[in-house]
Amino acid sequence: MKRSRNEVSRWRMLRQAQRRRSQWVEAQSRTYRHLTRLGHLQLKKQRRSLLFSMTSGL
């Protein structure tokens, strides 16, 4: 069945908007993951420094 020009363009616009939205969500989650990773690394460093300060004090 042949689609009208308006129908095709509307469908294309919807698809484009959907793609843009999903890319945005993906970027947000990527940024959040990056930030949480930094926090974890910071905690890890703190734990290790505490561990070494305790063992060197003995």
PDB file of N, CA and C in Angstrom:
ATOM      1  N   MET A   1       0.843  -1.195   0.000  1.00  0.00           N
ATOM      2  CA  MET A   1       0.000   0.000   0.000  1.00  0.00           C
ATOM      3  C   MET A   1       0.884   1.253   0.000  1.00  0.00           C
ATOM      4  N   LYS A   2       0.595   2.145  -0.893  1.00  0.00           N
ATOM      5  CA  LYS A   2       1.400   3.363  -1.008  1.00  0.00           C
ATOM      6  C   LYS A   2       0.994   4.369   0.074  1.00  0.00           C
ATOM      7  N   ARG A   3       1.979   4.889   0.731  1.00  0.00           N
ATOM      8  CA  ARG A   3       1.738   5.878   1.792  1.00  0.00           C
ATOM      9  C   ARG A   3       1.747   7.284   1.202  1.00  0.00           C
ATOM     10  N   SER A   4       0.971   8.159   1.810  1.00  0.00           N
ATOM     11  CA  SER A   4       0.975   9.547   1.350  1.00  0.00           C
ATOM     12  C   SER A   4       2.256  10.232   1.834  1.00  0.00           C
ATOM     13  N   ARG A   5       2.573  11.312   1.182  1.00  0.00           N
ATOM     14  CA  ARG A   5       3.797  12.052   1.518  1.00  0.00           C
ATOM     15  C   ARG A   5       3.783  12.534   2.975  1.00  0.00           C
ATOM     16  N   ASN A   6       2.631  13.030   3.397  1.00  0.00           N
ATOM     17  CA  ASN A   6       2.493  13.515   4.777  1.00  0.00           C
ATOM     18  C   ASN A   6       2.696  12.394   5.788  1.00  0.00           C
ATOM     19  N   GLU A   7       2.129  11.243   5.459  1.00  0.00           N
ATOM     20  CA  GLU A   7       2.228  10.099   6.355  1.00  0.00           C
ATOM     21  C   GLU A   7       3.687   9.657   6.512  1.00  0.00           C
ATOM     22  N   VAL A   8       4.381   9.608   5.395  1.00  0.00           N
ATOM     23  CA  VAL A   8       5.787   9.200   5.402  1.00  0.00           C
ATOM     24  C   VAL A   8       6.619  10.185   6.216  1.00  0.00           C
ATOM     25  N   SER A   9       6.408  11.461   5.983  1.00  0.00           N
ATOM     26  CA  SER A   9       7.200  12.468   6.704  1.00  0.00           C
ATOM     27  C   SER A   9       6.885  12.450   8.198  1.00  0.00           C
ATOM     28  N   ARG A  10       5.625  12.230   8.543  1.00  0.00           N
ATOM     29  CA  ARG A  10       5.248  12.164   9.952  1.00  0.00           C
ATOM     30  C   ARG A  10       5.928  10.964  10.620  1.00  0.00           C
ATOM     31  N   TRP A  11       5.906   9.837   9.923  1.00  0.00           N
ATOM     32  CA  TRP A  11       6.532   8.621  10.428  1.00  0.00           C
ATOM     33  C   TRP A  11       8.037   8.823  10.614  1.00  0.00           C
ATOM     34  N   ARG A  12       8.660   9.477   9.642  1.00  0.00           N
ATOM     35  CA  ARG A  12      10.101   9.739   9.706  1.00  0.00           C
ATOM     36  C   ARG A  12      10.442  10.662  10.876  1.00  0.00           C
ATOM     37  N   MET A  13       9.627  11.695  11.064  1.00  0.00           N
ATOM     38  CA  MET A  13       9.854  12.638  12.165  1.00  0.00           C
ATOM     39  C   MET A  13       9.733  11.933  13.522  1.00  0.00           C
ATOM     40  N   LEU A  14       8.716  11.071  13.637  1.00  0.00           N
ATOM     41  CA  LEU A  14       8.526  10.329  14.880  1.00  0.00           C
ATOM     42  C   LEU A  14       9.723   9.434  15.173  1.00  0.00           C
ATOM     43  N   ARG A  15      10.189   8.754  14.135  1.00  0.00           N
ATOM     44  CA  ARG A  15      11.344   7.865  14.293  1.00  0.00           C
ATOM     45  C   ARG A  15      12.587   8.637  14.709  1.00  0.00           C
ATOM     46  N   GLN A  16      12.764   9.793  14.087  1.00  0.00           N
ATOM     47  CA  GLN A  16      13.921  10.644  14.386  1.00  0.00           C
ATOM     48  C   GLN A  16      13.874  11.129  15.846  1.00  0.00           C
ATOM     49  N   ALA A  17      12.690  11.545  16.270  1.00  0.00           N
ATOM     50  CA  ALA A  17      12.519  12.024  17.647  1.00  0.00           C
ATOM     51  C   ALA A  17      12.803  10.900  18.641  1.00  0.00           C
ATOM     52  N   GLN A  18      12.314   9.714  18.304  1.00  0.00           N
ATOM     53  CA  GLN A  18      12.530   8.550  19.168  1.00  0.00           C
ATOM     54  C   GLN A  18      14.018   8.232  19.292  1.00  0.00           C
ATOM     55  N   ARG A  19      14.707   8.280  18.158  1.00  0.00           N
ATOM     56  CA  ARG A  19      16.145   7.999  18.143  1.00  0.00           C
ATOM     57  C   ARG A  19      16.903   9.032  18.970  1.00  0.00           C
ATOM     58  N   ARG A  20      16.528  10.297  18.790  1.00  0.00           N
ATOM     59  CA  ARG A  20      17.185  11.376  19.531  1.00  0.00           C
ATOM     60  C   ARG A  20      16.989  11.200  21.035  1.00  0.00           C
ATOM     61  N   ARG A  21      15.758  10.851  21.412  1.00  0.00           N
ATOM     62  CA  ARG A  21      15.439  10.660  22.822  1.00  0.00           C
ATOM     63  C   ARG A  21      16.240   9.499  23.413  1.00  0.00           C
ATOM     64  N   SER A  22      16.313   8.400  22.686  1.00  0.00           N
ATOM     65  CA  SER A  22      17.042   7.238  23.200  1.00  0.00           C
ATOM     66  C   SER A  22      18.537   7.525  23.294  1.00  0.00           C
ATOM     67  N   GLN A  23      19.059   8.291  22.360  1.00  0.00           N
ATOM     68  CA  GLN A  23      20.479   8.665  22.420  1.00  0.00           C
ATOM     69  C   GLN A  23      20.748   9.550  23.631  1.00  0.00           C
ATOM     70  N   TRP A  24      19.814  10.445  23.920  1.00  0.00           N
ATOM     71  CA  TRP A  24      19.961  11.332  25.061  1.00  0.00           C
ATOM     72  C   TRP A  24      19.979  10.525  26.361  1.00  0.00           C
ATOM     73  N   VAL A  25      19.039   9.575  26.465  1.00  0.00           N
ATOM     74  CA  VAL A  25      18.956   8.733  27.661  1.00  0.00           C
ATOM     75  C   VAL A  25      20.250   7.940  27.825  1.00  0.00           C
ATOM     76  N   GLU A  26      20.742   7.405  26.724  1.00  0.00           N
ATOM     77  CA  GLU A  26      21.987   6.636  26.745  1.00  0.00           C
ATOM     78  C   GLU A  26      23.150   7.501  27.237  1.00  0.00           C
ATOM     79  N   ALA A  27      23.218   8.727  26.740  1.00  0.00           N
ATOM     80  CA  ALA A  27      24.287   9.649  27.140  1.00  0.00           C
ATOM     81  C   ALA A  27      24.187   9.974  28.629  1.00  0.00           C
ATOM     82  N   GLN A  28      22.955  10.160  29.124  1.00  0.00           N
ATOM     83  CA  GLN A  28      22.758  10.470  30.540  1.00  0.00           C
ATOM     84  C   GLN A  28      23.244   9.321  31.410  1.00  0.00           C
ATOM     85  N   SER A  29      22.873   8.108  31.024  1.00  0.00           N
ATOM     86  CA  SER A  29      23.267   6.953  31.828  1.00  0.00           C
ATOM     87  C   SER A  29      24.783   6.766  31.773  1.00  0.00           C
ATOM     88  N   ARG A  30      25.373   7.060  30.618  1.00  0.00           N
ATOM     89  CA  ARG A  30      26.824   6.934  30.479  1.00  0.00           C
ATOM     90  C   ARG A  30      27.527   7.924  31.415  1.00  0.00           C
ATOM     91  N   THR A  31      26.999   9.154  31.455  1.00  0.00           N
ATOM     92  CA  THR A  31      27.571  10.189  32.326  1.00  0.00           C
ATOM     93  C   THR A  31      27.439   9.779  33.788  1.00  0.00           C
ATOM     94  N   TYR A  32      26.264   9.274  34.145  1.00  0.00           N
ATOM     95  CA  TYR A  32      26.005   8.876  35.525  1.00  0.00           C
ATOM     96  C   TYR A  32      26.929   7.730  35.938  1.00  0.00           C
ATOM     97  N   ARG A  33      27.096   6.770  35.025  1.00  0.00           N
ATOM     98  CA  ARG A  33      27.975   5.638  35.298  1.00  0.00           C
ATOM     99  C   ARG A  33      29.409   6.123  35.533  1.00  0.00           C
ATOM    100  N   HIS A  34      29.815   7.086  34.730  1.00  0.00           N
ATOM    101  CA  HIS A  34      31.160   7.660  34.842  1.00  0.00           C
ATOM    102  C   HIS A  34      31.339   8.316  36.215  1.00  0.00           C
ATOM    103  N   LEU A  35      30.323   9.060  36.642  1.00  0.00           N
ATOM    104  CA  LEU A  35      30.392   9.748  37.932  1.00  0.00           C
ATOM    105  C   LEU A  35      30.429   8.761  39.091  1.00  0.00           C
ATOM    106  N   THR A  36      29.599   7.711  39.018  1.00  0.00           N
ATOM    107  CA  THR A  36      29.581   6.727  40.100  1.00  0.00           C
ATOM    108  C   THR A  36      30.910   5.994  40.161  1.00  0.00           C
ATOM    109  N   ARG A  37      31.488   5.751  39.004  1.00  0.00           N
ATOM    110  CA  ARG A  37      32.796   5.077  38.950  1.00  0.00           C
ATOM    111  C   ARG A  37      33.853   5.925  39.671  1.00  0.00           C
ATOM    112  N   LEU A  38      33.817   7.233  39.443  1.00  0.00           N
ATOM    113  CA  LEU A  38      34.765   8.131  40.112  1.00  0.00           C
ATOM    114  C   LEU A  38      34.605   8.054  41.628  1.00  0.00           C
ATOM    115  N   GLY A  39      33.363   8.015  42.073  1.00  0.00           N
ATOM    116  CA  GLY A  39      33.088   7.913  43.511  1.00  0.00           C
ATOM    117  C   GLY A  39      33.636   6.627  44.093  1.00  0.00           C
ATOM    118  N   HIS A  40      33.438   5.517  43.371  1.00  0.00           N
ATOM    119  CA  HIS A  40      33.930   4.221  43.830  1.00  0.00           C
ATOM    120  C   HIS A  40      35.452   4.223  43.921  1.00  0.00           C
ATOM    121  N   LEU A  41      36.097   4.810  42.922  1.00  0.00           N
ATOM    122  CA  LEU A  41      37.560   4.867  42.927  1.00  0.00           C
ATOM    123  C   LEU A  41      38.064   5.673  44.121  1.00  0.00           C
ATOM    124  N   GLN A  42      37.375   6.761  44.418  1.00  0.00           N
ATOM    125  CA  GLN A  42      37.752   7.611  45.547  1.00  0.00           C
ATOM    126  C   GLN A  42      37.647   6.830  46.859  1.00  0.00           C
ATOM    127  N   LEU A  43      36.547   6.089  47.016  1.00  0.00           N
ATOM    128  CA  LEU A  43      36.355   5.279  48.221  1.00  0.00           C
ATOM    129  C   LEU A  43      37.444   4.218  48.346  1.00  0.00           C
ATOM    130  N   LYS A  44      37.755   3.611  47.226  1.00  0.00           N
ATOM    131  CA  LYS A  44      38.785   2.566  47.197  1.00  0.00           C
ATOM    132  C   LYS A  44      40.132   3.132  47.666  1.00  0.00           C
ATOM    133  N   LYS A  45      40.464   4.314  47.155  1.00  0.00           N
ATOM    134  CA  LYS A  45      41.723   4.971  47.545  1.00  0.00           C
ATOM    135  C   LYS A  45      41.744   5.253  49.046  1.00  0.00           C
ATOM    136  N   GLN A  46      40.620   5.743  49.565  1.00  0.00           N
ATOM    137  CA  GLN A  46      40.538   6.062  50.993  1.00  0.00           C
ATOM    138  C   GLN A  46      40.742   4.807  51.837  1.00  0.00           C
ATOM    139  N   ARG A  47      40.065   3.719  51.435  1.00  0.00           N
ATOM    140  CA  ARG A  47      40.187   2.465  52.176  1.00  0.00           C
ATOM    141  C   ARG A  47      41.627   1.969  52.175  1.00  0.00           C
ATOM    142  N   ARG A  48      42.255   2.031  51.006  1.00  0.00           N
ATOM    143  CA  ARG A  48      43.636   1.552  50.896  1.00  0.00           C
ATOM    144  C   ARG A  48      44.582   2.400  51.737  1.00  0.00           C
ATOM    145  N   SER A  49      44.377   3.722  51.711  1.00  0.00           N
ATOM    146  CA  SER A  49      45.259   4.597  52.493  1.00  0.00           C
ATOM    147  C   SER A  49      45.079   4.334  53.986  1.00  0.00           C
ATOM    148  N   LEU A  50      43.828   4.080  54.408  1.00  0.00           N
ATOM    149  CA  LEU A  50      43.575   3.750  55.812  1.00  0.00           C
ATOM    150  C   LEU A  50      44.259   2.442  56.184  1.00  0.00           C
ATOM    151  N   LEU A  51      44.151   1.476  55.309  1.00  0.00           N
ATOM    152  CA  LEU A  51      44.747   0.168  55.548  1.00  0.00           C
ATOM    153  C   LEU A  51      46.256   0.286  55.714  1.00  0.00           C
ATOM    154  N   PHE A  52      46.886   1.039  54.816  1.00  0.00           N
ATOM    155  CA  PHE A  52      48.336   1.191  54.877  1.00  0.00           C
ATOM    156  C   PHE A  52      48.769   1.998  56.093  1.00  0.00           C
ATOM    157  N   SER A  53      47.977   2.989  56.479  1.00  0.00           N
ATOM    158  CA  SER A  53      48.351   3.796  57.644  1.00  0.00           C
ATOM    159  C   SER A  53      48.244   2.957  58.919  1.00  0.00           C
ATOM    160  N   MET A  54      47.277   2.038  58.950  1.00  0.00           N
ATOM    161  CA  MET A  54      47.108   1.177  60.122  1.00  0.00           C
ATOM    162  C   MET A  54      48.229   0.144  60.204  1.00  0.00           C
ATOM    163  N   THR A  55      48.596  -0.451  59.081  1.00  0.00           N
ATOM    164  CA  THR A  55      49.627  -1.492  59.092  1.00  0.00           C
ATOM    165  C   THR A  55      51.014  -0.905  59.324  1.00  0.00           C
ATOM    166  N   SER A  56      51.256   0.289  58.819  1.00  0.00           N
ATOM    167  CA  SER A  56      52.581   0.897  59.001  1.00  0.00           C
ATOM    168  C   SER A  56      52.765   1.383  60.440  1.00  0.00           C
ATOM    169  N   GLY A  57      51.664   1.636  61.137  1.00  0.00           N
ATOM    170  CA  GLY A  57      51.734   2.105  62.515  1.00  0.00           C
ATOM    171  C   GLY A  57      52.094   0.997  63.490  1.00  0.00           C
ATOM    172  N   LEU A  58      51.965  -0.264  63.087  1.00  0.00           N
ATOM    173  CA  LEU A  58      52.235  -1.394  63.985  1.00  0.00           C
ATOM    174  C   LEU A  58      53.686  -1.679  64.199  1.00  0.00           C
TER     175      LEU A  58
END
